[in-house]
């Protein structure tokens, strides 16, 4: 959920995560790059959100878990494993008739900062993919939406896919 959605309503006690939905690295001018945020940037984010070593983090969004799973993956990449994605996200919470809040929640006080360490085994670099994507043991999945795949999404600059690869769009339930 972005800041706008958060102010409209959220799960009671939930804290709004600031910044870009994809948790990207910032360059020296503060602009977004295409890379995952650095360990230092993620450590600061966790501190700002009140997430420490003993925290259990539950993430959700209102976009079919796209942003929630990105945060889940970033935390897993940096070795913070006590993170879970709310099945069904915000839509499931609301449709189940559970309580919502309109008041901003304050982050918890951290007793011990989270320990982070990047795990490069869960990421592939462009160089590695270029070396391996023709290997029959590797299957590259294009999980963009059909609109993204066909270049019709507003943010899409180009369309198409890697040769020999396919897309299998799964739309979230309405």
Protein backbone atom coordinates (compact mmCIF):
# COMPACT_ATOMS: atom_id res chain seq x y z
CA UNK A 1 0.00 0.00 0.00
CA UNK A 2 1.26 3.43 -0.80
CA UNK A 3 0.95 6.45 1.45
CA UNK A 4 -2.31 7.54 -0.21
CA UNK A 5 -3.96 4.13 0.28
CA UNK A 6 -2.61 3.94 3.82
CA UNK A 7 -4.27 7.24 4.80
CA UNK A 8 -7.61 6.02 3.41
CA UNK A 9 -7.58 2.89 5.60
CA UNK A 10 -5.22 0.14 6.73
CA UNK A 11 -4.95 -2.81 9.09
CA UNK A 12 -4.89 -1.50 12.68
CA UNK A 13 -1.30 -1.20 13.90
CA UNK A 14 0.17 -1.34 10.38
CA UNK A 15 2.97 1.11 9.65
CA UNK A 16 3.21 2.75 6.22
CA UNK A 17 6.44 1.90 4.39
CA UNK A 18 7.87 5.02 2.75
CA UNK A 19 9.73 5.20 -0.52
CA UNK A 20 9.58 3.50 -3.88
CA UNK A 21 7.41 0.38 -4.01
CA UNK A 22 10.25 -1.70 -5.47
CA UNK A 23 12.80 -0.75 -2.80
CA UNK A 24 15.44 0.28 -5.32
CA UNK A 25 18.95 1.51 -4.75
CA UNK A 26 19.42 5.26 -4.75
CA UNK A 27 22.22 6.80 -6.78
CA UNK A 28 24.48 9.57 -5.47
CA UNK A 29 21.86 12.19 -6.46
CA UNK A 30 19.03 10.34 -4.67
CA UNK A 31 17.46 9.01 -7.88
CA UNK A 32 16.22 5.47 -8.33
CA UNK A 33 18.37 2.85 -10.05
CA UNK A 34 17.24 -0.54 -11.38
CA UNK A 35 19.09 -2.36 -8.62
CA UNK A 36 17.85 -3.58 -5.24
CA UNK A 37 18.45 -1.14 -2.39
CA UNK A 38 21.78 -1.45 -0.63
CA UNK A 39 22.21 -3.17 2.72
CA UNK A 40 22.69 0.23 4.35
CA UNK A 41 19.49 1.58 2.78
CA UNK A 42 17.48 -1.49 3.84
CA UNK A 43 18.93 -1.36 7.37
CA UNK A 44 17.80 2.28 7.66
CA UNK A 45 14.36 1.38 6.28
CA UNK A 46 13.95 -1.38 8.87
CA UNK A 47 14.98 0.97 11.66
CA UNK A 48 12.56 3.64 10.45
CA UNK A 49 9.77 1.04 10.43
CA UNK A 50 10.54 -0.24 13.93
CA UNK A 51 11.74 -3.63 12.70
CA UNK A 52 14.46 -5.20 14.79
CA UNK A 53 16.17 -8.56 15.25
CA UNK A 54 13.22 -10.18 17.04
CA UNK A 55 10.47 -8.74 14.85
CA UNK A 56 7.99 -10.74 12.82
CA UNK A 57 7.02 -8.75 9.75
CA UNK A 58 3.73 -9.25 7.88
CA UNK A 59 3.51 -7.43 4.55
CA UNK A 60 0.44 -6.74 2.41
CA UNK A 61 -0.65 -4.38 -0.32
CA UNK A 62 -3.68 -3.64 -2.45
CA UNK A 63 -2.04 -4.61 -5.76
CA UNK A 64 -2.29 -8.41 -5.72
CA UNK A 65 0.81 -8.75 -3.50
CA UNK A 66 3.17 -7.30 -6.14
CA UNK A 67 4.75 -4.81 -3.75
CA UNK A 68 4.37 -6.99 -0.66
CA UNK A 69 6.28 -9.83 -2.30
CA UNK A 70 8.98 -7.42 -3.49
CA UNK A 71 9.56 -6.32 0.12
CA UNK A 72 9.38 -9.98 1.26
CA UNK A 73 12.06 -10.88 -1.31
CA UNK A 74 14.31 -7.92 -0.44
CA UNK A 75 14.21 -8.83 3.24
CA UNK A 76 14.91 -12.50 2.42
CA UNK A 77 17.77 -11.40 0.13
CA UNK A 78 19.35 -9.62 3.08
CA UNK A 79 18.83 -12.57 5.42
CA UNK A 80 15.85 -11.25 7.36
CA UNK A 81 13.74 -14.40 7.26
CA UNK A 82 10.97 -13.69 9.75
CA UNK A 83 8.78 -12.04 7.12
CA UNK A 84 5.42 -13.25 5.82
CA UNK A 85 3.01 -12.17 3.07
CA UNK A 86 -0.65 -11.84 4.05
CA UNK A 87 -2.55 -14.31 1.88
CA UNK A 88 -5.17 -12.36 -0.06
CA UNK A 89 -3.70 -9.05 1.06
CA UNK A 90 -5.76 -5.98 1.82
CA UNK A 91 -8.71 -7.14 -0.28
CA UNK A 92 -9.04 -10.34 1.76
CA UNK A 93 -8.78 -8.41 5.04
CA UNK A 94 -11.54 -5.99 4.05
CA UNK A 95 -13.83 -8.57 2.45
CA UNK A 96 -13.54 -10.68 5.62
CA UNK A 97 -15.08 -7.78 7.56
CA UNK A 98 -12.03 -7.28 9.74
CA UNK A 99 -11.40 -3.91 11.42
CA UNK A 100 -9.61 -1.08 9.65
CA UNK A 101 -7.90 2.02 10.95
CA UNK A 102 -7.57 5.55 9.65
CA UNK A 103 -5.03 6.69 12.24
CA UNK A 104 -1.31 6.50 11.50
CA UNK A 105 0.56 3.96 13.60
CA UNK A 106 3.94 4.67 15.15
CA UNK A 107 6.79 2.23 14.57
CA UNK A 108 7.75 0.03 17.51
CA UNK A 109 10.86 0.81 19.56
CA UNK A 110 13.74 -1.42 18.48
CA UNK A 111 15.55 -3.31 21.22
CA UNK A 112 18.14 -4.83 18.90
CA UNK A 113 18.71 -3.81 15.25
CA UNK A 114 18.16 -6.46 12.61
CA UNK A 115 21.30 -8.10 11.29
CA UNK A 116 21.48 -8.05 7.50
CA UNK A 117 23.79 -9.80 5.07
CA UNK A 118 23.16 -10.11 1.34
CA UNK A 119 22.65 -13.62 -0.03
CA UNK A 120 23.70 -13.50 -3.69
CA UNK A 121 22.36 -17.05 -4.21
CA UNK A 122 18.80 -15.71 -4.48
CA UNK A 123 19.55 -13.23 -7.26
CA UNK A 124 20.86 -13.62 -10.78
CA UNK A 125 22.98 -10.91 -12.38
CA UNK A 126 22.52 -9.86 -15.98
CA UNK A 127 25.93 -11.31 -16.85
CA UNK A 128 25.05 -14.67 -15.30
CA UNK A 129 21.70 -14.81 -17.09
CA UNK A 130 23.30 -13.96 -20.42
CA UNK A 131 25.69 -16.87 -19.92
CA UNK A 132 23.05 -19.38 -18.80
CA UNK A 133 19.64 -18.58 -20.27
CA UNK A 134 20.09 -20.94 -23.25
CA UNK A 135 20.95 -23.82 -20.91
CA UNK A 136 17.97 -26.25 -20.94
CA UNK A 137 18.30 -26.61 -17.15
CA UNK A 138 17.39 -22.92 -16.80
CA UNK A 139 13.79 -21.77 -17.36
CA UNK A 140 13.30 -18.03 -17.52
CA UNK A 141 9.75 -16.94 -16.71
CA UNK A 142 8.42 -13.59 -17.86
CA UNK A 143 5.87 -12.71 -15.17
CA UNK A 144 4.91 -9.31 -16.49
CA UNK A 145 1.24 -8.69 -17.21
CA UNK A 146 -0.01 -9.07 -20.79
CA UNK A 147 -0.18 -5.26 -21.06
CA UNK A 148 3.47 -5.00 -19.97
CA UNK A 149 4.50 -7.84 -22.28
CA UNK A 150 2.79 -6.18 -25.24
CA UNK A 151 4.08 -2.68 -24.39
CA UNK A 152 0.66 -1.26 -23.51
CA UNK A 153 1.39 -0.52 -19.84
CA UNK A 154 1.89 3.23 -19.24
CA UNK A 155 5.36 2.76 -17.74
CA UNK A 156 6.53 0.34 -20.42
CA UNK A 157 9.07 1.76 -22.86
CA UNK A 158 9.54 -1.39 -24.92
CA UNK A 159 7.61 -4.57 -25.44
CA UNK A 160 8.51 -8.15 -26.16
CA UNK A 161 10.42 -10.84 -24.34
CA UNK A 162 13.67 -12.76 -24.37
CA UNK A 163 13.76 -15.12 -27.34
CA UNK A 164 12.32 -18.52 -26.52
CA UNK A 165 10.62 -17.36 -23.34
CA UNK A 166 6.93 -17.03 -22.59
CA UNK A 167 4.60 -15.10 -20.35
CA UNK A 168 1.91 -16.64 -18.22
CA UNK A 169 -0.15 -13.84 -16.76
CA UNK A 170 -2.07 -14.54 -13.60
CA UNK A 171 -4.48 -11.75 -12.79
CA UNK A 172 -5.40 -11.20 -9.15
CA UNK A 173 -9.05 -11.84 -8.31
CA UNK A 174 -11.17 -8.72 -8.54
